[in-house]
Amino acid sequence: MQDKGLDFKHKEVVNINNGKRMGYVQDVCADLESGTITSIIVPSGNKFFSMFSNANDIVIPWQQIKCIGDDIILVDI
């Protein structure tokens, strides 16, 4: 069976400005009218508090995504 589309949840997000590993994609936001992805969401670094709230999640706009590889997403933030 072939994969359809991109499986973001298995890709690690890395900031190209400082080389920091930000974590794995938790969710994606899309514009349902146009069918385009508008941003990706990465959990905040504080894992203890992320169990109770997603208010500190990092939302990365699509324009800041520079490269999508097999297992990594490079962002410029």
PDB file of N, CA and C in Angstrom:
ATOM      1  N   MET A   1       0.843  -1.183   0.000  1.00  0.00           N
ATOM      2  CA  MET A   1       0.000   0.000   0.000  1.00  0.00           C
ATOM      3  C   MET A   1       0.888   1.245   0.000  1.00  0.00           C
ATOM      4  N   GLN A   2       0.594   2.192  -0.862  1.00  0.00           N
ATOM      5  CA  GLN A   2       1.373   3.410  -0.953  1.00  0.00           C
ATOM      6  C   GLN A   2       0.844   4.471  -0.002  1.00  0.00           C
ATOM      7  N   ASP A   3       1.772   5.333   0.494  1.00  0.00           N
ATOM      8  CA  ASP A   3       1.365   6.447   1.334  1.00  0.00           C
ATOM      9  C   ASP A   3       0.741   7.528   0.474  1.00  0.00           C
ATOM     10  N   LYS A   4      -0.304   8.114   0.963  1.00  0.00           N
ATOM     11  CA  LYS A   4      -0.953   9.241   0.298  1.00  0.00           C
ATOM     12  C   LYS A   4      -0.670  10.501   1.106  1.00  0.00           C
ATOM     13  N   GLY A   5      -0.144  11.510   0.468  1.00  0.00           N
ATOM     14  CA  GLY A   5       0.144  12.753   1.167  1.00  0.00           C
ATOM     15  C   GLY A   5       1.367  12.630   2.052  1.00  0.00           C
ATOM     16  N   LEU A   6       1.524  13.591   2.922  1.00  0.00           N
ATOM     17  CA  LEU A   6       2.682  13.629   3.809  1.00  0.00           C
ATOM     18  C   LEU A   6       2.277  13.191   5.216  1.00  0.00           C
ATOM     19  N   ASP A   7       3.094  12.336   5.821  1.00  0.00           N
ATOM     20  CA  ASP A   7       2.862  11.904   7.190  1.00  0.00           C
ATOM     21  C   ASP A   7       3.740  12.749   8.102  1.00  0.00           C
ATOM     22  N   PHE A   8       3.225  13.861   8.583  1.00  0.00           N
ATOM     23  CA  PHE A   8       4.000  14.809   9.373  1.00  0.00           C
ATOM     24  C   PHE A   8       4.316  14.304  10.777  1.00  0.00           C
ATOM     25  N   LYS A   9       3.481  13.455  11.344  1.00  0.00           N
ATOM     26  CA  LYS A   9       3.655  13.055  12.741  1.00  0.00           C
ATOM     27  C   LYS A   9       4.925  12.260  12.991  1.00  0.00           C
ATOM     28  N   HIS A  10       5.550  11.739  11.974  1.00  0.00           N
ATOM     29  CA  HIS A  10       6.782  10.982  12.143  1.00  0.00           C
ATOM     30  C   HIS A  10       8.010  11.792  11.743  1.00  0.00           C
ATOM     31  N   LYS A  11       7.848  13.107  11.617  1.00  0.00           N
ATOM     32  CA  LYS A  11       8.952  13.971  11.206  1.00  0.00           C
ATOM     33  C   LYS A  11       9.369  14.879  12.365  1.00  0.00           C
ATOM     34  N   GLU A  12      10.685  14.953  12.562  1.00  0.00           N
ATOM     35  CA  GLU A  12      11.219  15.822  13.602  1.00  0.00           C
ATOM     36  C   GLU A  12      11.429  17.219  13.030  1.00  0.00           C
ATOM     37  N   VAL A  13      11.109  18.237  13.823  1.00  0.00           N
ATOM     38  CA  VAL A  13      11.245  19.628  13.402  1.00  0.00           C
ATOM     39  C   VAL A  13      12.544  20.187  13.980  1.00  0.00           C
ATOM     40  N   VAL A  14      13.377  20.789  13.105  1.00  0.00           N
ATOM     41  CA  VAL A  14      14.654  21.375  13.509  1.00  0.00           C
ATOM     42  C   VAL A  14      14.702  22.813  13.023  1.00  0.00           C
ATOM     43  N   ASN A  15      15.097  23.723  13.910  1.00  0.00           N
ATOM     44  CA  ASN A  15      15.248  25.135  13.573  1.00  0.00           C
ATOM     45  C   ASN A  15      16.612  25.332  12.925  1.00  0.00           C
ATOM     46  N   ILE A  16      16.645  25.833  11.691  1.00  0.00           N
ATOM     47  CA  ILE A  16      17.918  25.981  10.984  1.00  0.00           C
ATOM     48  C   ILE A  16      18.747  27.147  11.508  1.00  0.00           C
ATOM     49  N   ASN A  17      18.147  28.052  12.283  1.00  0.00           N
ATOM     50  CA  ASN A  17      18.890  29.190  12.817  1.00  0.00           C
ATOM     51  C   ASN A  17      19.859  28.800  13.922  1.00  0.00           C
ATOM     52  N   ASN A  18      19.447  27.835  14.766  1.00  0.00           N
ATOM     53  CA  ASN A  18      20.304  27.458  15.885  1.00  0.00           C
ATOM     54  C   ASN A  18      20.545  25.945  15.975  1.00  0.00           C
ATOM     55  N   GLY A  19      19.979  25.179  15.062  1.00  0.00           N
ATOM     56  CA  GLY A  19      20.159  23.733  15.068  1.00  0.00           C
ATOM     57  C   GLY A  19      19.359  23.013  16.136  1.00  0.00           C
ATOM     58  N   LYS A  20      18.500  23.718  16.843  1.00  0.00           N
ATOM     59  CA  LYS A  20      17.733  23.144  17.942  1.00  0.00           C
ATOM     60  C   LYS A  20      16.666  22.188  17.429  1.00  0.00           C
ATOM     61  N   ARG A  21      16.615  21.012  18.052  1.00  0.00           N
ATOM     62  CA  ARG A  21      15.547  20.060  17.765  1.00  0.00           C
ATOM     63  C   ARG A  21      14.321  20.487  18.554  1.00  0.00           C
ATOM     64  N   MET A  22      13.230  20.729  17.854  1.00  0.00           N
ATOM     65  CA  MET A  22      12.034  21.257  18.496  1.00  0.00           C
ATOM     66  C   MET A  22      11.057  20.160  18.892  1.00  0.00           C
ATOM     67  N   GLY A  23      11.213  18.980  18.344  1.00  0.00           N
ATOM     68  CA  GLY A  23      10.305  17.875  18.630  1.00  0.00           C
ATOM     69  C   GLY A  23       9.629  17.394  17.362  1.00  0.00           C
ATOM     70  N   TYR A  24       8.658  16.543  17.543  1.00  0.00           N
ATOM     71  CA  TYR A  24       7.925  15.975  16.419  1.00  0.00           C
ATOM     72  C   TYR A  24       6.602  16.700  16.227  1.00  0.00           C
ATOM     73  N   VAL A  25       6.144  16.755  15.004  1.00  0.00           N
ATOM     74  CA  VAL A  25       4.885  17.425  14.676  1.00  0.00           C
ATOM     75  C   VAL A  25       3.745  16.759  15.440  1.00  0.00           C
ATOM     76  N   GLN A  26       2.974  17.575  16.138  1.00  0.00           N
ATOM     77  CA  GLN A  26       1.830  17.083  16.894  1.00  0.00           C
ATOM     78  C   GLN A  26       0.542  17.178  16.069  1.00  0.00           C
ATOM     79  N   ASP A  27       0.450  18.240  15.253  1.00  0.00           N
ATOM     80  CA  ASP A  27      -0.781  18.461  14.495  1.00  0.00           C
ATOM     81  C   ASP A  27      -0.482  19.398  13.331  1.00  0.00           C
ATOM     82  N   VAL A  28      -1.389  19.458  12.387  1.00  0.00           N
ATOM     83  CA  VAL A  28      -1.298  20.409  11.287  1.00  0.00           C
ATOM     84  C   VAL A  28      -2.601  21.193  11.208  1.00  0.00           C
ATOM     85  N   CYS A  29      -2.501  22.438  10.761  1.00  0.00           N
ATOM     86  CA  CYS A  29      -3.688  23.266  10.535  1.00  0.00           C
ATOM     87  C   CYS A  29      -3.825  23.460   9.036  1.00  0.00           C
ATOM     88  N   ALA A  30      -5.055  23.424   8.563  1.00  0.00           N
ATOM     89  CA  ALA A  30      -5.289  23.552   7.129  1.00  0.00           C
ATOM     90  C   ALA A  30      -6.448  24.496   6.864  1.00  0.00           C
ATOM     91  N   ASP A  31      -6.399  25.116   5.704  1.00  0.00           N
ATOM     92  CA  ASP A  31      -7.508  25.923   5.203  1.00  0.00           C
ATOM     93  C   ASP A  31      -8.396  24.970   4.418  1.00  0.00           C
ATOM     94  N   LEU A  32      -9.554  24.677   4.952  1.00  0.00           N
ATOM     95  CA  LEU A  32     -10.429  23.683   4.332  1.00  0.00           C
ATOM     96  C   LEU A  32     -11.003  24.134   2.993  1.00  0.00           C
ATOM     97  N   GLU A  33     -11.127  25.430   2.798  1.00  0.00           N
ATOM     98  CA  GLU A  33     -11.660  25.923   1.532  1.00  0.00           C
ATOM     99  C   GLU A  33     -10.670  25.724   0.388  1.00  0.00           C
ATOM    100  N   SER A  34      -9.387  26.003   0.666  1.00  0.00           N
ATOM    101  CA  SER A  34      -8.385  25.875  -0.392  1.00  0.00           C
ATOM    102  C   SER A  34      -7.698  24.511  -0.381  1.00  0.00           C
ATOM    103  N   GLY A  35      -7.797  23.795   0.742  1.00  0.00           N
ATOM    104  CA  GLY A  35      -7.153  22.491   0.849  1.00  0.00           C
ATOM    105  C   GLY A  35      -5.655  22.568   1.064  1.00  0.00           C
ATOM    106  N   THR A  36      -5.167  23.701   1.595  1.00  0.00           N
ATOM    107  CA  THR A  36      -3.734  23.863   1.822  1.00  0.00           C
ATOM    108  C   THR A  36      -3.413  23.854   3.311  1.00  0.00           C
ATOM    109  N   ILE A  37      -2.221  23.391   3.627  1.00  0.00           N
ATOM    110  CA  ILE A  37      -1.752  23.402   5.006  1.00  0.00           C
ATOM    111  C   ILE A  37      -1.274  24.809   5.323  1.00  0.00           C
ATOM    112  N   THR A  38      -1.716  25.351   6.464  1.00  0.00           N
ATOM    113  CA  THR A  38      -1.348  26.710   6.846  1.00  0.00           C
ATOM    114  C   THR A  38      -0.266  26.751   7.920  1.00  0.00           C
ATOM    115  N   SER A  39      -0.170  25.708   8.749  1.00  0.00           N
ATOM    116  CA  SER A  39       0.849  25.676   9.790  1.00  0.00           C
ATOM    117  C   SER A  39       0.979  24.269  10.363  1.00  0.00           C
ATOM    118  N   ILE A  40       2.092  24.062  11.080  1.00  0.00           N
ATOM    119  CA  ILE A  40       2.274  22.821  11.828  1.00  0.00           C
ATOM    120  C   ILE A  40       2.410  23.189  13.298  1.00  0.00           C
ATOM    121  N   ILE A  41       2.084  22.240  14.171  1.00  0.00           N
ATOM    122  CA  ILE A  41       2.138  22.484  15.606  1.00  0.00           C
ATOM    123  C   ILE A  41       3.095  21.484  16.238  1.00  0.00           C
ATOM    124  N   VAL A  42       4.020  22.030  17.059  1.00  0.00           N
ATOM    125  CA  VAL A  42       4.989  21.220  17.773  1.00  0.00           C
ATOM    126  C   VAL A  42       4.740  21.453  19.261  1.00  0.00           C
ATOM    127  N   PRO A  43       4.745  20.397  20.082  1.00  0.00           N
ATOM    128  CA  PRO A  43       4.532  20.603  21.525  1.00  0.00           C
ATOM    129  C   PRO A  43       5.646  21.450  22.126  1.00  0.00           C
ATOM    130  N   SER A  44       5.298  22.193  23.178  1.00  0.00           N
ATOM    131  CA  SER A  44       6.313  23.002  23.853  1.00  0.00           C
ATOM    132  C   SER A  44       7.332  22.096  24.520  1.00  0.00           C
ATOM    133  N   GLY A  45       8.474  22.661  24.884  1.00  0.00           N
ATOM    134  CA  GLY A  45       9.556  21.887  25.482  1.00  0.00           C
ATOM    135  C   GLY A  45       9.254  21.362  26.861  1.00  0.00           C
ATOM    136  N   ASN A  46       8.313  21.961  27.587  1.00  0.00           N
ATOM    137  CA  ASN A  46       8.013  21.540  28.956  1.00  0.00           C
ATOM    138  C   ASN A  46       7.021  20.388  28.925  1.00  0.00           C
ATOM    139  N   LYS A  47       7.514  19.176  29.000  1.00  0.00           N
ATOM    140  CA  LYS A  47       6.677  17.997  28.839  1.00  0.00           C
ATOM    141  C   LYS A  47       5.713  17.795  30.008  1.00  0.00           C
ATOM    142  N   PHE A  48       6.098  18.199  31.229  1.00  0.00           N
ATOM    143  CA  PHE A  48       5.223  18.007  32.380  1.00  0.00           C
ATOM    144  C   PHE A  48       3.929  18.802  32.226  1.00  0.00           C
ATOM    145  N   PHE A  49       4.064  20.081  31.880  1.00  0.00           N
ATOM    146  CA  PHE A  49       2.876  20.921  31.743  1.00  0.00           C
ATOM    147  C   PHE A  49       2.095  20.642  30.470  1.00  0.00           C
ATOM    148  N   SER A  50       2.745  20.066  29.450  1.00  0.00           N
ATOM    149  CA  SER A  50       2.042  19.799  28.202  1.00  0.00           C
ATOM    150  C   SER A  50       0.994  18.702  28.368  1.00  0.00           C
ATOM    151  N   MET A  51       1.085  17.921  29.451  1.00  0.00           N
ATOM    152  CA  MET A  51       0.052  16.909  29.718  1.00  0.00           C
ATOM    153  C   MET A  51      -1.280  17.572  30.049  1.00  0.00           C
ATOM    154  N   PHE A  52      -1.199  18.762  30.642  1.00  0.00           N
ATOM    155  CA  PHE A  52      -2.403  19.405  31.145  1.00  0.00           C
ATOM    156  C   PHE A  52      -2.939  20.495  30.229  1.00  0.00           C
ATOM    157  N   SER A  53      -2.100  21.029  29.359  1.00  0.00           N
ATOM    158  CA  SER A  53      -2.534  22.127  28.505  1.00  0.00           C
ATOM    159  C   SER A  53      -1.702  22.165  27.235  1.00  0.00           C
ATOM    160  N   ASN A  54      -2.320  22.590  26.159  1.00  0.00           N
ATOM    161  CA  ASN A  54      -1.573  22.758  24.916  1.00  0.00           C
ATOM    162  C   ASN A  54      -1.411  24.239  24.584  1.00  0.00           C
ATOM    163  N   ALA A  55      -1.602  25.099  25.582  1.00  0.00           N
ATOM    164  CA  ALA A  55      -1.525  26.545  25.363  1.00  0.00           C
ATOM    165  C   ALA A  55      -0.122  26.987  24.970  1.00  0.00           C
ATOM    166  N   ASN A  56       0.896  26.225  25.344  1.00  0.00           N
ATOM    167  CA  ASN A  56       2.274  26.610  25.044  1.00  0.00           C
ATOM    168  C   ASN A  56       2.807  25.938  23.791  1.00  0.00           C
ATOM    169  N   ASP A  57       1.960  25.276  23.036  1.00  0.00           N
ATOM    170  CA  ASP A  57       2.410  24.635  21.804  1.00  0.00           C
ATOM    171  C   ASP A  57       2.962  25.681  20.840  1.00  0.00           C
ATOM    172  N   ILE A  58       3.918  25.266  20.033  1.00  0.00           N
ATOM    173  CA  ILE A  58       4.552  26.165  19.070  1.00  0.00           C
ATOM    174  C   ILE A  58       3.864  25.992  17.720  1.00  0.00           C
ATOM    175  N   VAL A  59       3.279  27.073  17.221  1.00  0.00           N
ATOM    176  CA  VAL A  59       2.618  27.062  15.917  1.00  0.00           C
ATOM    177  C   VAL A  59       3.597  27.652  14.910  1.00  0.00           C
ATOM    178  N   ILE A  60       3.942  26.871  13.898  1.00  0.00           N
ATOM    179  CA  ILE A  60       4.907  27.295  12.890  1.00  0.00           C
ATOM    180  C   ILE A  60       4.176  27.508  11.565  1.00  0.00           C
ATOM    181  N   PRO A  61       4.078  28.761  11.103  1.00  0.00           N
ATOM    182  CA  PRO A  61       3.387  29.033   9.830  1.00  0.00           C
ATOM    183  C   PRO A  61       4.080  28.329   8.656  1.00  0.00           C
ATOM    184  N   TRP A  62       3.306  27.968   7.676  1.00  0.00           N
ATOM    185  CA  TRP A  62       3.815  27.257   6.499  1.00  0.00           C
ATOM    186  C   TRP A  62       4.959  28.013   5.818  1.00  0.00           C
ATOM    187  N   GLN A  63       4.898  29.346   5.827  1.00  0.00           N
ATOM    188  CA  GLN A  63       5.923  30.154   5.177  1.00  0.00           C
ATOM    189  C   GLN A  63       7.295  29.982   5.832  1.00  0.00           C
ATOM    190  N   GLN A  64       7.336  29.528   7.072  1.00  0.00           N
ATOM    191  CA  GLN A  64       8.604  29.358   7.778  1.00  0.00           C
ATOM    192  C   GLN A  64       9.181  27.949   7.609  1.00  0.00           C
ATOM    193  N   ILE A  65       8.475  27.079   6.918  1.00  0.00           N
ATOM    194  CA  ILE A  65       8.994  25.745   6.633  1.00  0.00           C
ATOM    195  C   ILE A  65       9.862  25.848   5.392  1.00  0.00           C
ATOM    196  N   LYS A  66      11.125  25.443   5.533  1.00  0.00           N
ATOM    197  CA  LYS A  66      12.088  25.591   4.443  1.00  0.00           C
ATOM    198  C   LYS A  66      12.329  24.300   3.683  1.00  0.00           C
ATOM    199  N   CYS A  67      12.231  23.148   4.344  1.00  0.00           N
ATOM    200  CA  CYS A  67      12.512  21.881   3.682  1.00  0.00           C
ATOM    201  C   CYS A  67      11.795  20.759   4.422  1.00  0.00           C
ATOM    202  N   ILE A  68      11.200  19.845   3.665  1.00  0.00           N
ATOM    203  CA  ILE A  68      10.554  18.667   4.243  1.00  0.00           C
ATOM    204  C   ILE A  68      11.253  17.444   3.674  1.00  0.00           C
ATOM    205  N   GLY A  69      11.926  16.703   4.553  1.00  0.00           N
ATOM    206  CA  GLY A  69      12.628  15.505   4.137  1.00  0.00           C
ATOM    207  C   GLY A  69      11.876  14.254   4.541  1.00  0.00           C
ATOM    208  N   ASP A  70      12.534  13.108   4.391  1.00  0.00           N
ATOM    209  CA  ASP A  70      11.898  11.837   4.731  1.00  0.00           C
ATOM    210  C   ASP A  70      11.554  11.742   6.214  1.00  0.00           C
ATOM    211  N   ASP A  71      12.424  12.286   7.082  1.00  0.00           N
ATOM    212  CA  ASP A  71      12.188  12.150   8.507  1.00  0.00           C
ATOM    213  C   ASP A  71      12.436  13.447   9.272  1.00  0.00           C
ATOM    214  N   ILE A  72      12.562  14.560   8.561  1.00  0.00           N
ATOM    215  CA  ILE A  72      12.871  15.828   9.209  1.00  0.00           C
ATOM    216  C   ILE A  72      12.183  16.987   8.473  1.00  0.00           C
ATOM    217  N   ILE A  73      11.839  18.030   9.244  1.00  0.00           N
ATOM    218  CA  ILE A  73      11.308  19.272   8.681  1.00  0.00           C
ATOM    219  C   ILE A  73      12.202  20.392   9.175  1.00  0.00           C
ATOM    220  N   LEU A  74      12.774  21.155   8.259  1.00  0.00           N
ATOM    221  CA  LEU A  74      13.617  22.283   8.624  1.00  0.00           C
ATOM    222  C   LEU A  74      12.789  23.564   8.582  1.00  0.00           C
ATOM    223  N   VAL A  75      12.863  24.328   9.680  1.00  0.00           N
ATOM    224  CA  VAL A  75      12.094  25.572   9.784  1.00  0.00           C
ATOM    225  C   VAL A  75      13.039  26.720  10.083  1.00  0.00           C
ATOM    226  N   ASP A  76      12.618  27.925   9.729  1.00  0.00           N
ATOM    227  CA  ASP A  76      13.412  29.132   9.951  1.00  0.00           C
ATOM    228  C   ASP A  76      12.615  30.048  10.878  1.00  0.00           C
ATOM    229  N   ILE A  77      12.857  29.877  12.186  1.00  0.00           N
ATOM    230  CA  ILE A  77      12.169  30.742  13.173  1.00  0.00           C
ATOM    231  C   ILE A  77      13.151  31.290  14.175  1.00  0.00           C
TER     232      ILE A  77
END
